[in-house]
Amino acid sequence: MQLDVRESADLARSFRQKWRGFSGAPEVVLCPSHVALAAVHDALGRSSIGLGAQDAFWEAAGSYTGEVSPLTLAELGCRYVIVGHSERRALLGETDVMVAAKAASVSHAGLTPIICVGERQKRGWKRTEEFLRKQLQAALSKRPQRFVVAYEPVWAIGTGIPARPEDVRVVYKILREELVRSCHPGVGRRVPLLYGGSVDANNAKEFIQDPENGGLLVGRAGQALRSLLDLVKIGIG
């Protein structure tokens, strides 16, 4: 809720124009607020830049005032939906049960949920591992057909202090083990793992160099054209 509709569309349009000059660029998905989705979709035109939503409801239709169906998001051109973001868990009381229902609903609508997991505060590795495994198990309990997992330690979000790459590597190992255990092993080994939490052009390279890293979930650094372009350049290598 940082950019309004006009600002979101302008950023998408400017980014698309610059995007044409890149070759071998990584997949990029822009996730504006719901009210800006249609405008950003139009601004992206026929480019390969993806469109995603920041949330969706766990039912396809019904009397749920104020909520948005994943089928409607698909109609608007979305390919991805973020579910279980830490801000929604903390500020709006979203539970693991709700996140699991949303992930399944999004997946059944033909979209890919980006399932967010992460501990609220730094703690010993044993407690962190128990928390992350429990959170991921719950999120996958309704068996979404396709999904991405984003590790976003809550204590790193918006603080300017990202997790250390070596610590993220340990978390990736934990998440990968749990994915292989909870899913079909072949599926569990292929699920992309993202990192998010105070990531920007100054530290992005450290994270994407990890063989297990499948991308970045970017917040503040994705709200300005210059920093967004810098991140794409780093992704190209």
Protein backbone atom coordinates (compact mmCIF):
# COMPACT_ATOMS: atom_id res chain seq x y z
CA MET A 1 0.00 0.00 0.00
CA GLN A 2 2.89 2.30 -0.89
CA LEU A 3 1.97 3.22 -4.49
CA ASP A 4 -1.40 4.38 -5.78
CA VAL A 5 -2.93 3.18 -9.06
CA ARG A 6 -1.26 5.81 -11.26
CA GLU A 7 2.15 5.34 -9.62
CA SER A 8 1.89 1.56 -9.95
CA ALA A 9 0.99 1.75 -13.65
CA ASP A 10 3.73 4.32 -14.35
CA LEU A 11 6.33 2.11 -12.69
CA ALA A 12 5.17 -0.95 -14.64
CA ARG A 13 5.16 0.97 -17.94
CA SER A 14 8.63 2.45 -17.39
CA PHE A 15 9.99 -0.91 -16.32
CA ARG A 16 8.54 -2.61 -19.39
CA GLN A 17 10.21 -0.05 -21.66
CA LYS A 18 13.61 -0.65 -20.04
CA TRP A 19 12.99 -4.39 -19.94
CA ARG A 20 13.17 -4.55 -23.74
CA GLY A 21 16.88 -3.85 -23.57
CA PHE A 22 17.67 -6.87 -21.40
CA SER A 23 18.56 -10.31 -22.70
CA GLY A 24 18.66 -13.39 -20.53
CA ALA A 25 16.76 -11.61 -17.79
CA PRO A 26 15.28 -13.64 -14.93
CA GLU A 27 11.53 -14.04 -14.51
CA VAL A 28 10.07 -10.91 -12.92
CA VAL A 29 6.62 -10.69 -11.38
CA LEU A 30 5.08 -7.40 -10.24
CA CYS A 31 2.55 -7.62 -7.39
CA PRO A 32 0.66 -4.32 -6.99
CA SER A 33 -2.32 -3.77 -4.71
CA HIS A 34 -5.61 -5.24 -5.88
CA VAL A 35 -7.03 -1.91 -7.06
CA ALA A 36 -4.00 -1.39 -9.34
CA LEU A 37 -3.96 -4.84 -10.94
CA ALA A 38 -5.97 -3.94 -14.03
CA ALA A 39 -3.94 -0.78 -14.68
CA VAL A 40 -0.62 -2.60 -14.23
CA HIS A 41 -1.81 -5.43 -16.48
CA ASP A 42 -2.54 -2.90 -19.24
CA ALA A 43 0.80 -1.17 -18.66
CA LEU A 44 2.71 -4.43 -19.03
CA GLY A 45 1.00 -5.17 -22.34
CA ARG A 46 2.27 -8.27 -24.11
CA SER A 47 5.63 -8.31 -22.34
CA SER A 48 6.90 -11.39 -20.53
CA ILE A 49 6.77 -9.59 -17.18
CA GLY A 50 4.40 -11.46 -14.91
CA LEU A 51 1.55 -10.12 -12.81
CA GLY A 52 0.82 -11.24 -9.27
CA ALA A 53 -1.54 -10.32 -6.45
CA GLN A 54 -0.69 -9.66 -2.82
CA ASP A 55 -3.46 -11.87 -1.42
CA ALA A 56 -6.59 -13.89 -2.29
CA PHE A 57 -9.50 -15.43 -0.44
CA TRP A 58 -9.83 -19.16 0.21
CA GLU A 59 -13.17 -19.54 -1.58
CA ALA A 60 -13.80 -19.16 -5.30
CA ALA A 61 -17.14 -17.42 -4.82
CA GLY A 62 -19.70 -16.57 -2.16
CA SER A 63 -20.93 -13.93 0.28
CA TYR A 64 -17.54 -12.74 1.54
CA THR A 65 -17.74 -8.97 1.48
CA GLY A 66 -14.46 -7.26 0.73
CA GLU A 67 -12.57 -10.40 -0.27
CA VAL A 68 -11.21 -11.25 -3.74
CA SER A 69 -11.61 -14.60 -5.45
CA PRO A 70 -8.55 -16.20 -7.03
CA LEU A 71 -10.70 -16.79 -10.12
CA THR A 72 -11.16 -13.02 -10.42
CA LEU A 73 -7.41 -12.55 -10.10
CA ALA A 74 -6.87 -15.05 -12.91
CA GLU A 75 -9.40 -13.13 -15.01
CA LEU A 76 -7.32 -9.98 -14.45
CA GLY A 77 -4.23 -11.73 -15.83
CA CYS A 78 -2.47 -12.74 -12.61
CA ARG A 79 -0.17 -15.74 -12.62
CA TYR A 80 0.98 -15.64 -9.00
CA VAL A 81 -0.53 -14.76 -5.60
CA ILE A 82 1.36 -14.08 -2.38
CA VAL A 83 -0.21 -15.93 0.56
CA GLY A 84 0.67 -15.82 4.24
CA HIS A 85 2.84 -12.73 4.10
CA SER A 86 4.11 -11.90 7.57
CA GLU A 87 2.34 -8.54 7.62
CA ARG A 88 -1.00 -10.22 7.08
CA ARG A 89 -0.23 -12.83 9.71
CA ALA A 90 0.82 -10.19 12.25
CA LEU A 91 -1.59 -7.33 11.51
CA LEU A 92 -4.69 -9.23 10.35
CA GLY A 93 -4.39 -12.40 12.37
CA GLU A 94 -4.02 -14.83 9.48
CA THR A 95 -3.43 -18.33 10.82
CA ASP A 96 -1.64 -21.33 9.36
CA VAL A 97 -5.07 -22.85 8.64
CA MET A 98 -6.13 -19.79 6.65
CA VAL A 99 -2.86 -19.71 4.73
CA ALA A 100 -3.24 -23.39 3.81
CA ALA A 101 -6.77 -22.78 2.54
CA LYS A 102 -5.64 -19.79 0.49
CA ALA A 103 -2.70 -21.67 -1.04
CA ALA A 104 -4.99 -24.52 -2.11
CA SER A 105 -7.65 -22.18 -3.48
CA VAL A 106 -5.10 -20.18 -5.48
CA SER A 107 -3.55 -23.35 -6.86
CA HIS A 108 -6.93 -24.83 -7.82
CA ALA A 109 -7.67 -21.61 -9.74
CA GLY A 110 -4.64 -22.32 -11.94
CA LEU A 111 -2.41 -19.72 -10.26
CA THR A 112 0.82 -20.25 -8.35
CA PRO A 113 0.80 -19.33 -4.66
CA ILE A 114 3.96 -17.82 -3.22
CA ILE A 115 3.75 -19.26 0.30
CA CYS A 116 5.57 -17.11 2.87
CA VAL A 117 7.14 -18.62 5.97
CA GLY A 118 9.47 -17.09 8.55
CA GLU A 119 10.17 -16.70 12.23
CA ARG A 120 9.21 -13.52 14.09
CA GLN A 121 12.45 -13.15 16.01
CA LYS A 122 15.95 -14.52 16.05
CA ARG A 123 16.12 -17.64 18.14
CA GLY A 124 18.22 -20.78 18.55
CA TRP A 125 18.43 -23.01 15.50
CA LYS A 126 16.44 -25.79 17.14
CA ARG A 127 13.46 -23.53 17.82
CA THR A 128 13.75 -21.88 14.40
CA GLU A 129 13.77 -25.26 12.67
CA GLU A 130 10.74 -26.48 14.63
CA PHE A 131 8.83 -23.29 13.83
CA LEU A 132 9.62 -23.32 10.10
CA ARG A 133 8.84 -27.01 9.68
CA LYS A 134 5.52 -26.60 11.47
CA GLN A 135 4.61 -23.52 9.44
CA LEU A 136 5.46 -25.18 6.12
CA GLN A 137 3.69 -28.42 7.02
CA ALA A 138 0.55 -26.47 7.83
CA ALA A 139 0.72 -24.44 4.61
CA LEU A 140 0.94 -27.63 2.53
CA SER A 141 -1.72 -29.56 4.43
CA LYS A 142 -4.35 -29.02 1.71
CA ARG A 143 -1.97 -30.13 -1.03
CA PRO A 144 -1.66 -27.18 -3.42
CA GLN A 145 -0.90 -28.46 -6.91
CA ARG A 146 1.91 -25.98 -7.60
CA PHE A 147 3.60 -23.41 -5.39
CA VAL A 148 6.69 -21.41 -4.51
CA VAL A 149 8.06 -20.98 -0.98
CA ALA A 150 9.45 -17.65 0.21
CA TYR A 151 11.52 -17.45 3.38
CA GLU A 152 10.99 -14.05 4.96
CA PRO A 153 12.34 -13.76 8.50
CA VAL A 154 9.96 -11.26 10.08
CA TRP A 155 12.73 -9.57 12.06
CA ALA A 156 14.47 -8.64 8.78
CA ILE A 157 11.48 -7.13 6.96
CA GLY A 158 11.66 -3.35 6.68
CA THR A 159 14.52 -3.13 9.17
CA GLY A 160 17.35 -2.72 6.68
CA ILE A 161 19.07 -5.68 8.35
CA PRO A 162 18.78 -8.80 6.15
CA ALA A 163 19.47 -12.31 7.31
CA ARG A 164 23.02 -13.51 6.78
CA PRO A 165 23.42 -15.55 3.59
CA GLU A 166 24.99 -18.40 5.54
CA ASP A 167 21.94 -18.52 7.83
CA VAL A 168 19.57 -18.47 4.86
CA ARG A 169 21.50 -21.43 3.47
CA VAL A 170 20.73 -23.39 6.63
CA VAL A 171 17.05 -22.45 6.36
CA TYR A 172 16.94 -23.54 2.72
CA LYS A 173 18.26 -26.96 3.80
CA ILE A 174 15.51 -27.21 6.43
CA LEU A 175 12.79 -26.17 3.99
CA ARG A 176 14.05 -28.47 1.25
CA GLU A 177 14.10 -31.45 3.61
CA GLU A 178 10.56 -30.68 4.69
CA LEU A 179 9.37 -30.25 1.10
CA VAL A 180 10.81 -33.61 0.08
CA ARG A 181 9.22 -35.21 3.15
CA SER A 182 5.82 -33.55 2.76
CA CYS A 183 5.49 -33.79 -1.03
CA HIS A 184 6.41 -36.32 -3.66
CA PRO A 185 10.25 -36.26 -3.54
CA GLY A 186 10.49 -35.24 -7.19
CA VAL A 187 8.15 -32.32 -6.58
CA GLY A 188 9.78 -31.33 -3.30
CA ARG A 189 13.19 -31.06 -4.93
CA ARG A 190 11.92 -28.72 -7.66
CA VAL A 191 9.94 -26.18 -5.61
CA PRO A 192 11.66 -22.77 -5.94
CA LEU A 193 12.88 -21.21 -2.68
CA LEU A 194 12.92 -17.40 -2.49
CA TYR A 195 14.43 -15.05 0.06
CA GLY A 196 12.80 -11.82 1.22
CA GLY A 197 13.66 -9.39 4.00
CA SER A 198 15.52 -6.08 3.52
CA VAL A 199 16.92 -7.33 0.22
CA ASP A 200 18.23 -4.73 -2.22
CA ALA A 201 20.86 -4.21 -4.90
CA ASN A 202 23.60 -4.05 -2.27
CA ASN A 203 23.04 -7.56 -0.93
CA ALA A 204 21.02 -9.39 -3.61
CA LYS A 205 24.05 -11.04 -5.21
CA GLU A 206 24.97 -12.76 -1.94
CA PHE A 207 21.59 -14.46 -1.85
CA ILE A 208 21.17 -15.45 -5.48
CA GLN A 209 24.62 -17.05 -5.60
CA ASP A 210 23.32 -19.81 -3.34
CA PRO A 211 22.57 -22.87 -5.53
CA GLU A 212 19.30 -23.42 -3.64
CA ASN A 213 18.07 -19.86 -4.20
CA GLY A 214 15.27 -19.58 -6.74
CA GLY A 215 14.75 -15.83 -6.55
CA LEU A 216 13.95 -12.88 -4.34
CA LEU A 217 10.77 -11.55 -2.76
CA VAL A 218 11.46 -7.82 -2.91
CA GLY A 219 9.61 -5.14 -0.98
CA ARG A 220 10.84 -1.57 -0.76
CA ALA A 221 13.57 -2.01 -3.40
CA GLY A 222 10.91 -3.01 -5.92
CA GLN A 223 8.95 0.23 -5.60
CA ALA A 224 11.36 2.42 -7.57
CA LEU A 225 12.47 1.98 -11.17
CA ARG A 226 16.21 2.43 -10.59
CA SER A 227 16.50 -0.12 -7.80
CA LEU A 228 14.24 -2.58 -9.63
CA LEU A 229 16.44 -2.38 -12.72
CA ASP A 230 19.56 -2.81 -10.61
CA LEU A 231 18.12 -6.01 -9.15
CA VAL A 232 17.37 -7.39 -12.61
CA LYS A 233 20.92 -6.66 -13.74
CA ILE A 234 22.24 -8.56 -10.75
CA GLY A 235 19.93 -11.46 -11.62
CA ILE A 236 21.34 -11.58 -15.14
CA GLY A 237 24.83 -11.77 -13.64
